[in-house]
């Protein structure tokens, strides 16, 4: 709960006290996302000075960015509300003076029509202007070392996410800064942004190992675990990139706006560095395991980047890409076991995960229908496509079952050494058929969430079916009867 304001006026550092993200960083990323080649003139402008760089960046992004879209500190907003309730003026200061009337109006919208004061924290005259503007005294909310002159001049002092060095300096000077919000530890926030709950999908890398139990020793299982770790690092790095590219859309989403990058808990520069570190480590580890496996990881990265940049907006292409990304996890495991991938397993995987990808779209159609919208935002689908997507999803699921049945028939007829009891695989096929039909039934009833894999991981029936299928698959290899 924010303390009650006693001073005659409130002044706020817009950049990092009120806003949880840096507008300069967000503008720069928007420029890169819209036109990567724009980084060249921006770099040249930076060589000519900071002001030239700001002007060039503003020209490049235009109206593509609005400050009011940035997440804000709730405690500072509460202090603003208290000042407004008391009829006191609210000013803002920024280290990046605005050059646009539209942005100025955007800030006014944030402050609910309050008085606007534009200045530079680094200028000594800025403190004097505030003193002249509010001779009765003012309260100041800041964040960084550059705010120290303003804190010294203020009658009330508030801080947001203070760096340790700034906190110690303020204590030495006896400024008595009241901290409205403390900086969150970075490591747990980065870990949350990596989406560890999504690592469940990377267990697919173990599927080829599980289907080759007779050829996998203790060393093979260690290799499998390392492959799983490298795949988790790669997918987490790609999730960070995806969240950076989906920043604006995530902030409009009722659930995704709480993601660390969208919420401003992780800055764009930190997210970019973390993604590069995760992806680089994954590729190095994959290369140490097996060059072909590293190639699969690199392919996963390239396809993910293409998906984030463009492919996710193309109808039908998006679901095919999702199916390929899931199948690549299995292919990566195959490459660790053998250099000759199983075509049966690859065919089954493509159609199986294509069905789940269509299932995700059907869930989105249901949400769109309930919201009264006719177009699936950013996905390239309209409401008229819903029946088509539904039929494609069901037929893809059934196609995967047909492929699995043909594999069982060939395995039984050739009497392959891997399977001493191939008849048990018919039980696996029965379990998979029931699971796909049940998942689609729940989807059409509106009971499925937006990620079928994570839904299945929390669904007791799905867990029991998975356990039964695993036991039958293992039994088909370790038992001997035909």
Protein backbone atom coordinates (compact mmCIF):
# COMPACT_ATOMS: atom_id res chain seq x y z
CA UNK A 1 0.00 0.00 0.00
CA UNK A 2 1.46 3.36 -1.07
CA UNK A 3 1.99 5.98 1.68
CA UNK A 4 -0.14 9.12 1.72
CA UNK A 5 1.33 12.12 -0.06
CA UNK A 6 1.98 15.20 2.11
CA UNK A 7 3.88 17.49 -0.27
CA UNK A 8 2.21 20.08 -2.48
CA UNK A 9 3.14 18.28 -5.71
CA UNK A 10 4.32 14.90 -7.00
CA UNK A 11 7.10 14.46 -9.58
CA UNK A 12 7.90 11.08 -11.11
CA UNK A 13 10.73 9.64 -13.16
CA UNK A 14 8.76 8.28 -16.10
CA UNK A 15 11.38 5.88 -17.47
CA UNK A 16 12.06 3.45 -14.64
CA UNK A 17 9.94 4.56 -11.69
CA UNK A 18 6.45 4.67 -13.18
CA UNK A 19 7.16 2.46 -16.20
CA UNK A 20 8.48 -1.05 -15.56
CA UNK A 21 10.13 -1.19 -18.99
CA UNK A 22 12.39 1.23 -20.84
CA UNK A 23 10.63 3.02 -23.75
CA UNK A 24 13.96 3.49 -25.53
CA UNK A 25 14.65 -0.26 -25.51
CA UNK A 26 11.14 -1.04 -26.70
CA UNK A 27 11.34 1.45 -29.56
CA UNK A 28 14.68 -0.01 -30.60
CA UNK A 29 13.31 -3.55 -30.63
CA UNK A 30 10.20 -2.48 -32.58
CA UNK A 31 12.49 -0.90 -35.18
CA UNK A 32 14.53 -4.11 -35.40
CA UNK A 33 11.45 -6.31 -35.67
CA UNK A 34 9.88 -4.17 -38.39
CA UNK A 35 13.07 -3.65 -40.41
CA UNK A 36 16.33 -5.31 -39.26
CA UNK A 37 18.25 -3.25 -41.83
CA UNK A 38 17.27 -0.14 -39.83
CA UNK A 39 19.95 -1.02 -37.27
CA UNK A 40 22.61 0.26 -39.68
CA UNK A 41 21.38 3.90 -39.91
CA UNK A 42 20.59 3.84 -36.19
CA UNK A 43 24.15 2.77 -35.39
CA UNK A 44 25.50 5.55 -37.62
CA UNK A 45 23.19 8.05 -35.92
CA UNK A 46 24.46 6.96 -32.50
CA UNK A 47 27.99 7.84 -33.60
CA UNK A 48 26.75 11.40 -34.21
CA UNK A 49 25.35 11.71 -30.70
CA UNK A 50 22.52 10.60 -28.44
CA UNK A 51 20.08 13.25 -29.66
CA UNK A 52 20.60 12.29 -33.30
CA UNK A 53 20.05 8.65 -32.35
CA UNK A 54 16.77 9.48 -30.55
CA UNK A 55 15.48 11.49 -33.49
CA UNK A 56 16.35 8.73 -35.96
CA UNK A 57 14.74 6.09 -33.74
CA UNK A 58 11.56 8.14 -33.40
CA UNK A 59 11.43 8.60 -37.17
CA UNK A 60 11.96 4.87 -37.73
CA UNK A 61 9.25 3.68 -35.32
CA UNK A 62 6.74 6.51 -35.88
CA UNK A 63 3.42 5.69 -34.22
CA UNK A 64 4.25 1.98 -33.91
CA UNK A 65 4.93 2.40 -30.20
CA UNK A 66 2.83 3.96 -27.44
CA UNK A 67 4.18 4.63 -23.97
CA UNK A 68 0.79 3.83 -22.46
CA UNK A 69 1.26 0.19 -23.56
CA UNK A 70 4.22 -0.22 -21.16
CA UNK A 71 3.54 -1.98 -17.82
CA UNK A 72 3.49 0.31 -14.80
CA UNK A 73 4.34 0.02 -11.10
CA UNK A 74 1.10 -0.41 -9.16
CA UNK A 75 2.53 1.32 -6.06
CA UNK A 76 3.48 4.43 -8.05
CA UNK A 77 0.05 4.46 -9.71
CA UNK A 78 -1.50 4.35 -6.23
CA UNK A 79 0.61 7.36 -5.20
CA UNK A 80 -0.53 9.21 -8.35
CA UNK A 81 -4.15 8.37 -7.52
CA UNK A 82 -3.67 9.76 -4.01
CA UNK A 83 -2.19 12.98 -5.41
CA UNK A 84 -5.09 13.30 -7.85
CA UNK A 85 -7.60 12.69 -5.05
CA UNK A 86 -6.04 15.54 -3.08
CA UNK A 87 -6.06 17.81 -6.13
CA UNK A 88 -2.25 18.07 -6.30
CA UNK A 89 -0.32 18.40 -9.58
CA UNK A 90 1.60 15.43 -10.95
CA UNK A 91 4.69 16.08 -13.10
CA UNK A 92 6.97 13.67 -14.91
CA UNK A 93 10.62 13.87 -15.87
CA UNK A 94 12.54 11.74 -18.34
CA UNK A 95 16.13 11.19 -19.36
CA UNK A 96 14.79 10.79 -22.92
CA UNK A 97 12.86 14.00 -23.76
CA UNK A 98 10.02 13.30 -26.16
CA UNK A 99 9.90 14.80 -29.65
CA UNK A 100 6.35 13.88 -30.54
CA UNK A 101 3.06 15.57 -29.70
CA UNK A 102 1.40 12.15 -29.88
CA UNK A 103 3.76 10.78 -27.24
CA UNK A 104 3.14 13.83 -25.06
CA UNK A 105 -0.59 13.14 -25.23
CA UNK A 106 0.12 9.48 -24.51
CA UNK A 107 1.84 10.42 -21.24
CA UNK A 108 -1.05 12.71 -20.35
CA UNK A 109 -3.35 9.73 -20.74
CA UNK A 110 -1.19 7.79 -18.27
CA UNK A 111 -1.28 10.60 -15.71
CA UNK A 112 -5.00 11.21 -16.23
CA UNK A 113 -4.68 14.72 -17.61
CA UNK A 114 -2.09 15.97 -15.10
CA UNK A 115 0.41 18.74 -15.69
CA UNK A 116 3.29 17.56 -17.87
CA UNK A 117 6.87 18.58 -17.25
CA UNK A 118 9.56 17.53 -19.73
CA UNK A 119 13.20 17.68 -18.64
CA UNK A 120 16.53 15.93 -18.36
CA UNK A 121 17.68 14.41 -15.09
CA UNK A 122 21.30 15.14 -15.93
CA UNK A 123 20.77 18.93 -16.17
CA UNK A 124 21.47 20.99 -13.00
CA UNK A 125 18.88 23.56 -14.09
CA UNK A 126 16.24 20.87 -13.87
CA UNK A 127 16.29 20.94 -10.06
CA UNK A 128 15.95 24.71 -10.02
CA UNK A 129 13.00 24.59 -12.41
CA UNK A 130 11.21 22.18 -10.10
CA UNK A 131 11.91 24.41 -7.08
CA UNK A 132 10.56 27.43 -8.95
CA UNK A 133 7.54 25.47 -10.14
CA UNK A 134 6.73 24.13 -6.65
CA UNK A 135 8.11 26.57 -4.04
CA UNK A 136 5.99 24.85 -1.37
CA UNK A 137 7.96 21.65 -1.91
CA UNK A 138 7.49 18.49 -3.96
CA UNK A 139 7.73 14.73 -3.58
CA UNK A 140 9.95 12.84 -5.99
CA UNK A 141 9.82 9.21 -7.15
CA UNK A 142 13.04 7.99 -8.75
CA UNK A 143 15.12 4.93 -9.52
CA UNK A 144 18.74 5.56 -10.47
CA UNK A 145 21.84 7.44 -9.39
CA UNK A 146 20.97 10.34 -11.73
CA UNK A 147 17.93 10.96 -9.50
CA UNK A 148 20.06 11.83 -6.44
CA UNK A 149 20.04 15.64 -7.09
CA UNK A 150 16.24 15.56 -7.27
CA UNK A 151 15.93 13.47 -4.12
CA UNK A 152 18.16 15.98 -2.29
CA UNK A 153 15.89 18.84 -3.36
CA UNK A 154 12.62 17.02 -2.62
CA UNK A 155 10.58 17.29 0.57
CA UNK A 156 9.47 13.64 0.27
CA UNK A 157 11.57 10.95 -1.34
CA UNK A 158 10.38 7.70 -2.87
CA UNK A 159 12.30 5.01 -4.72
CA UNK A 160 11.40 2.11 -7.01
CA UNK A 161 13.65 -0.94 -7.53
CA UNK A 162 16.73 0.90 -6.27
CA UNK A 163 20.14 -0.51 -7.22
CA UNK A 164 22.22 -1.44 -4.17
CA UNK A 165 24.78 1.30 -4.89
CA UNK A 166 22.06 3.96 -4.97
CA UNK A 167 20.51 2.65 -1.76
CA UNK A 168 23.88 2.78 0.04
CA UNK A 169 24.59 6.32 -1.22
CA UNK A 170 21.15 7.49 -0.05
CA UNK A 171 21.75 5.94 3.39
CA UNK A 172 25.14 7.68 3.68
CA UNK A 173 23.52 11.04 2.91
CA UNK A 174 20.58 10.36 5.22
CA UNK A 175 18.02 11.00 2.49
CA UNK A 176 15.47 8.59 3.97
CA UNK A 177 14.09 7.27 0.69
CA UNK A 178 10.89 5.26 1.08
CA UNK A 179 11.00 2.27 -1.29
CA UNK A 180 7.64 1.67 -2.92
CA UNK A 181 8.84 -1.50 -4.66
CA UNK A 182 12.04 -3.52 -4.36
CA UNK A 183 13.96 -5.08 -7.21
CA UNK A 184 13.02 -8.73 -7.76
CA UNK A 185 15.90 -11.26 -7.80
CA UNK A 186 16.79 -11.69 -11.47
CA UNK A 187 17.56 -15.44 -11.53
CA UNK A 188 14.08 -16.69 -10.46
CA UNK A 189 12.42 -14.27 -12.88
CA UNK A 190 14.64 -15.40 -15.77
CA UNK A 191 13.90 -19.02 -14.88
CA UNK A 192 10.17 -18.30 -15.03
CA UNK A 193 10.61 -16.59 -18.42
CA UNK A 194 12.36 -19.77 -19.64
CA UNK A 195 9.03 -21.61 -19.12
CA UNK A 196 10.36 -24.73 -17.38
CA UNK A 197 6.83 -26.20 -17.41
CA UNK A 198 7.22 -26.47 -21.19
CA UNK A 199 10.23 -28.77 -20.78
CA UNK A 200 7.70 -31.57 -20.47
CA UNK A 201 7.45 -31.51 -24.28
CA UNK A 202 11.17 -32.20 -24.57
CA UNK A 203 10.64 -35.64 -23.01
CA UNK A 204 9.89 -36.64 -26.61
CA UNK A 205 13.65 -36.92 -27.10
CA UNK A 206 13.52 -40.06 -24.92
CA UNK A 207 11.00 -41.81 -27.21
CA UNK A 208 13.64 -43.30 -29.58
CA UNK A 209 15.67 -44.42 -26.56
CA UNK A 210 12.58 -46.09 -25.09
CA UNK A 211 11.97 -47.91 -28.39
CA UNK A 212 15.55 -49.23 -28.46
CA UNK A 213 15.86 -50.63 -24.94
CA UNK A 214 17.89 -53.63 -26.11
CA UNK A 215 20.61 -51.43 -27.57
CA UNK A 216 20.86 -48.71 -24.91
CA UNK A 217 23.30 -49.14 -22.04
CA UNK A 218 24.13 -46.88 -19.10
CA UNK A 219 26.20 -44.61 -21.31
CA UNK A 220 23.29 -44.27 -23.70
CA UNK A 221 21.00 -43.07 -20.92
CA UNK A 222 23.56 -40.45 -19.88
CA UNK A 223 23.64 -39.28 -23.49
CA UNK A 224 19.84 -39.16 -23.48
CA UNK A 225 19.80 -36.98 -20.35
CA UNK A 226 22.37 -34.59 -21.83
CA UNK A 227 20.35 -34.43 -25.05
CA UNK A 228 17.28 -33.56 -22.97
CA UNK A 229 19.20 -30.79 -21.16
CA UNK A 230 20.50 -29.25 -24.39
CA UNK A 231 17.03 -29.39 -25.93
CA UNK A 232 15.57 -27.65 -22.86
CA UNK A 233 18.17 -24.89 -23.14
CA UNK A 234 17.40 -24.44 -26.83
CA UNK A 235 13.62 -24.32 -26.39
CA UNK A 236 13.89 -21.90 -23.45
CA UNK A 237 16.10 -19.61 -25.52
CA UNK A 238 13.57 -19.71 -28.35
CA UNK A 239 10.71 -18.99 -25.90
CA UNK A 240 12.51 -15.81 -24.80
CA UNK A 241 12.86 -14.73 -28.43
CA UNK A 242 9.19 -15.52 -29.08
CA UNK A 243 8.11 -13.51 -26.02
CA UNK A 244 10.14 -10.52 -27.20
CA UNK A 245 8.53 -10.65 -30.63
CA UNK A 246 5.04 -11.14 -29.15
CA UNK A 247 5.45 -8.35 -26.59
CA UNK A 248 2.55 -6.15 -27.74
CA UNK A 249 0.15 -9.07 -28.29
CA UNK A 250 1.01 -10.63 -24.91
CA UNK A 251 0.23 -7.37 -23.11
CA UNK A 252 -3.26 -7.43 -24.60
CA UNK A 253 -3.83 -11.05 -23.57
CA UNK A 254 -5.53 -11.62 -20.17
CA UNK A 255 -3.10 -14.42 -19.19
CA UNK A 256 0.04 -13.86 -21.24
CA UNK A 257 0.42 -10.26 -19.99
CA UNK A 258 1.79 -11.74 -16.75
CA UNK A 259 4.78 -13.27 -18.55
CA UNK A 260 8.03 -11.76 -17.19
CA UNK A 261 8.99 -9.89 -20.37
CA UNK A 262 5.50 -8.52 -21.03
CA UNK A 263 5.13 -7.52 -17.36
CA UNK A 264 8.46 -5.70 -17.35
CA UNK A 265 10.12 -8.04 -14.84
CA UNK A 266 12.80 -8.85 -17.44
CA UNK A 267 14.12 -6.06 -19.66
CA UNK A 268 14.58 -6.60 -23.39
CA UNK A 269 18.41 -6.37 -23.23
CA UNK A 270 18.54 -8.95 -20.43
CA UNK A 271 16.14 -11.23 -22.30
CA UNK A 272 18.20 -10.94 -25.47
CA UNK A 273 21.45 -11.77 -23.64
CA UNK A 274 19.81 -14.68 -21.80
CA UNK A 275 18.42 -16.13 -25.03
CA UNK A 276 21.81 -15.89 -26.74
CA UNK A 277 23.48 -17.57 -23.75
CA UNK A 278 20.94 -20.40 -23.63
CA UNK A 279 21.02 -21.03 -27.38
CA UNK A 280 24.84 -20.85 -27.53
CA UNK A 281 25.20 -23.29 -24.63
CA UNK A 282 22.67 -25.67 -26.19
CA UNK A 283 24.51 -25.71 -29.52
CA UNK A 284 27.91 -26.25 -27.88
CA UNK A 285 26.57 -29.09 -25.73
CA UNK A 286 24.83 -30.63 -28.74
CA UNK A 287 28.00 -30.42 -30.78
CA UNK A 288 29.91 -32.16 -27.99
CA UNK A 289 27.31 -34.96 -27.96
CA UNK A 290 26.98 -35.51 -31.71
CA UNK A 291 27.29 -33.18 -34.73
CA UNK A 292 24.04 -34.52 -36.25
CA UNK A 293 22.22 -33.80 -33.00
CA UNK A 294 23.61 -30.24 -33.03
CA UNK A 295 22.30 -29.94 -36.59
CA UNK A 296 18.83 -30.90 -35.38
CA UNK A 297 19.05 -28.23 -32.67
CA UNK A 298 20.13 -25.62 -35.22
CA UNK A 299 17.23 -26.62 -37.47
CA UNK A 300 14.84 -26.25 -34.53
CA UNK A 301 16.18 -22.74 -33.90
CA UNK A 302 15.88 -21.66 -37.54
CA UNK A 303 12.31 -22.94 -37.85
CA UNK A 304 11.34 -21.32 -34.54
CA UNK A 305 12.74 -17.95 -35.66
CA UNK A 306 10.88 -18.22 -38.97
CA UNK A 307 7.72 -19.07 -37.02
CA UNK A 308 8.12 -16.05 -34.74
CA UNK A 309 8.92 -13.69 -37.61
CA UNK A 310 6.31 -14.71 -40.14
CA UNK A 311 5.02 -18.29 -40.36
CA UNK A 312 2.72 -18.09 -37.33
CA UNK A 313 0.55 -15.62 -39.28
CA UNK A 314 0.01 -17.95 -42.25
CA UNK A 315 -3.05 -20.20 -42.04
CA UNK A 316 -2.26 -23.93 -42.26
CA UNK A 317 1.47 -23.22 -42.45
CA UNK A 318 1.46 -22.43 -38.73
CA UNK A 319 0.06 -25.83 -37.70
CA UNK A 320 2.44 -27.67 -40.02
CA UNK A 321 5.37 -25.84 -38.44
CA UNK A 322 4.19 -26.75 -34.93
CA UNK A 323 3.97 -30.42 -35.98
CA UNK A 324 7.48 -30.25 -37.45
CA UNK A 325 8.90 -28.70 -34.27
CA UNK A 326 7.46 -31.51 -32.15
CA UNK A 327 8.70 -34.12 -34.60
CA UNK A 328 12.17 -32.55 -34.56
CA UNK A 329 12.38 -33.38 -30.85
CA UNK A 330 11.85 -37.06 -31.68
CA UNK A 331 14.22 -36.87 -34.65
CA UNK A 332 16.90 -35.40 -32.37
CA UNK A 333 16.54 -38.45 -30.13
CA UNK A 334 16.74 -40.76 -33.15
CA UNK A 335 19.99 -39.15 -34.24
CA UNK A 336 21.44 -39.83 -30.81
CA UNK A 337 20.45 -43.52 -31.02
CA UNK A 338 21.20 -44.13 -34.69
CA UNK A 339 22.00 -42.25 -37.87
CA UNK A 340 19.13 -44.07 -39.64
CA UNK A 341 15.85 -42.53 -38.39
CA UNK A 342 12.68 -44.62 -38.33
CA UNK A 343 10.40 -43.40 -41.12
CA UNK A 344 7.41 -45.03 -39.44
CA UNK A 345 7.91 -43.02 -36.27
CA UNK A 346 8.47 -39.79 -38.19
CA UNK A 347 5.28 -40.26 -40.24
CA UNK A 348 3.28 -41.06 -37.12
CA UNK A 349 4.69 -38.03 -35.28
CA UNK A 350 3.90 -35.55 -38.05
CA UNK A 351 0.22 -36.50 -38.22
CA UNK A 352 -0.16 -37.00 -34.46
CA UNK A 353 1.20 -33.56 -33.58
CA UNK A 354 -0.55 -31.95 -36.54
CA UNK A 355 -3.78 -33.10 -34.91
CA UNK A 356 -2.75 -31.45 -31.62
CA UNK A 357 -1.80 -28.24 -33.44
CA UNK A 358 -5.26 -28.09 -35.02
CA UNK A 359 -6.64 -28.73 -31.53
CA UNK A 360 -4.91 -25.57 -30.30
CA UNK A 361 -6.53 -23.58 -33.09
CA UNK A 362 -9.96 -25.01 -32.30
CA UNK A 363 -9.54 -23.82 -28.69
CA UNK A 364 -8.70 -20.35 -30.01
CA UNK A 365 -11.75 -20.44 -32.27
CA UNK A 366 -13.90 -21.18 -29.23
CA UNK A 367 -12.39 -18.24 -27.33
CA UNK A 368 -12.94 -16.02 -30.38
CA UNK A 369 -16.56 -17.15 -30.64
CA UNK A 370 -17.22 -16.38 -26.96
CA UNK A 371 -15.63 -12.93 -27.39
CA UNK A 372 -17.82 -12.21 -30.41
CA UNK A 373 -14.89 -11.75 -32.81
CA UNK A 374 -14.81 -13.01 -36.39
CA UNK A 375 -11.04 -13.12 -37.02
CA UNK A 376 -8.36 -15.03 -35.14
CA UNK A 377 -5.94 -12.21 -34.36
CA UNK A 378 -2.45 -12.71 -35.80
CA UNK A 379 -3.20 -16.25 -37.01
CA UNK A 380 -4.66 -15.85 -40.50
CA UNK A 381 -7.95 -17.64 -39.74
CA UNK A 382 -11.56 -16.45 -39.88
CA UNK A 383 -14.60 -17.93 -38.15
CA UNK A 384 -15.67 -19.51 -41.46
CA UNK A 385 -12.58 -21.77 -41.24
CA UNK A 386 -13.62 -23.41 -37.97
CA UNK A 387 -15.31 -26.50 -39.43
CA UNK A 388 -12.43 -27.00 -41.86
CA UNK A 389 -9.88 -26.85 -39.01
CA UNK A 390 -11.96 -29.27 -36.94
CA UNK A 391 -12.17 -31.83 -39.78
CA UNK A 392 -8.45 -31.51 -40.54
CA UNK A 393 -7.58 -32.06 -36.88
CA UNK A 394 -9.70 -35.20 -36.51
CA UNK A 395 -8.54 -36.68 -39.82
CA UNK A 396 -4.87 -36.01 -38.93
CA UNK A 397 -5.31 -37.83 -35.63
CA UNK A 398 -6.92 -40.82 -37.34
CA UNK A 399 -4.18 -40.82 -40.00
CA UNK A 400 -1.56 -41.18 -37.26
CA UNK A 401 -3.43 -44.21 -35.89
CA UNK A 402 -3.59 -45.82 -39.35
CA UNK A 403 0.17 -45.33 -39.76
CA UNK A 404 0.76 -46.89 -36.34
CA UNK A 405 -1.40 -49.89 -37.29
CA UNK A 406 0.55 -50.40 -40.54
CA UNK A 407 3.80 -50.27 -38.54
CA UNK A 408 2.53 -52.98 -36.18
CA UNK A 409 1.54 -55.19 -39.12
CA UNK A 410 4.97 -54.86 -40.72
CA UNK A 411 6.75 -55.44 -37.40
CA UNK A 412 4.77 -58.62 -36.73
CA UNK A 413 5.27 -60.00 -40.23
CA UNK A 414 9.03 -59.35 -40.32
CA UNK A 415 9.55 -60.61 -36.75
CA UNK A 416 11.96 -57.78 -35.91
CA UNK A 417 14.45 -58.44 -33.13
CA UNK A 418 13.48 -55.28 -31.23
CA UNK A 419 10.01 -56.63 -30.54
CA UNK A 420 9.62 -60.06 -28.98
CA UNK A 421 5.89 -59.52 -28.37
CA UNK A 422 4.63 -57.14 -31.11
CA UNK A 423 1.04 -58.17 -30.37
CA UNK A 424 1.17 -55.86 -27.31
CA UNK A 425 1.57 -52.89 -29.64
CA UNK A 426 -2.09 -53.33 -30.61
CA UNK A 427 -2.89 -52.37 -27.04
CA UNK A 428 -0.82 -49.22 -27.47
CA UNK A 429 -2.76 -48.39 -30.62
CA UNK A 430 -6.08 -48.86 -28.80
CA UNK A 431 -4.93 -46.50 -26.01
CA UNK A 432 -3.78 -43.85 -28.49
CA UNK A 433 -7.03 -44.07 -30.46
CA UNK A 434 -9.12 -43.58 -27.33
CA UNK A 435 -6.91 -40.70 -26.15
CA UNK A 436 -7.14 -38.78 -29.44
CA UNK A 437 -10.91 -39.23 -29.67
CA UNK A 438 -11.36 -38.17 -26.03
CA UNK A 439 -9.14 -35.10 -26.42
CA UNK A 440 -11.13 -33.95 -29.44
CA UNK A 441 -14.39 -34.60 -27.61
CA UNK A 442 -13.23 -32.37 -24.74
CA UNK A 443 -12.06 -29.75 -27.23
CA UNK A 444 -15.39 -29.55 -29.06
CA UNK A 445 -17.14 -29.27 -25.68
CA UNK A 446 -14.98 -26.26 -24.81
CA UNK A 447 -13.20 -28.05 -21.94
CA UNK A 448 -9.66 -27.95 -23.39
CA UNK A 449 -7.12 -25.25 -22.46
CA UNK A 450 -4.84 -23.61 -25.03
CA UNK A 451 -2.09 -26.25 -24.73
CA UNK A 452 -3.23 -29.89 -25.15
CA UNK A 453 0.15 -31.29 -24.01
CA UNK A 454 0.09 -29.40 -20.71
CA UNK A 455 -3.60 -30.29 -20.31
CA UNK A 456 -2.76 -33.98 -20.72
CA UNK A 457 0.06 -33.69 -18.14
CA UNK A 458 -2.53 -32.61 -15.55
CA UNK A 459 -5.36 -34.88 -16.68
CA UNK A 460 -5.62 -38.11 -14.67
CA UNK A 461 -7.13 -40.11 -17.52
CA UNK A 462 -4.36 -39.03 -19.90
CA UNK A 463 -1.70 -39.94 -17.34
CA UNK A 464 -3.20 -43.41 -16.88
CA UNK A 465 -3.37 -43.94 -20.66
CA UNK A 466 0.26 -42.82 -21.03
CA UNK A 467 1.37 -45.20 -18.25
CA UNK A 468 -0.52 -48.11 -19.81
CA UNK A 469 0.92 -47.35 -23.26
CA UNK A 470 4.46 -47.16 -21.86
CA UNK A 471 4.08 -50.52 -20.08
CA UNK A 472 2.75 -52.17 -23.22
CA UNK A 473 5.53 -50.66 -25.36
CA UNK A 474 8.21 -51.88 -22.94
CA UNK A 475 6.54 -55.29 -22.68
CA UNK A 476 6.54 -55.64 -26.46
CA UNK A 477 10.35 -55.39 -26.34
CA UNK A 478 11.31 -57.34 -23.21
CA UNK A 479 8.76 -60.16 -23.47
CA UNK A 480 9.04 -62.93 -26.07
CA UNK A 481 5.89 -64.43 -27.53
CA UNK A 482 4.30 -64.19 -30.98
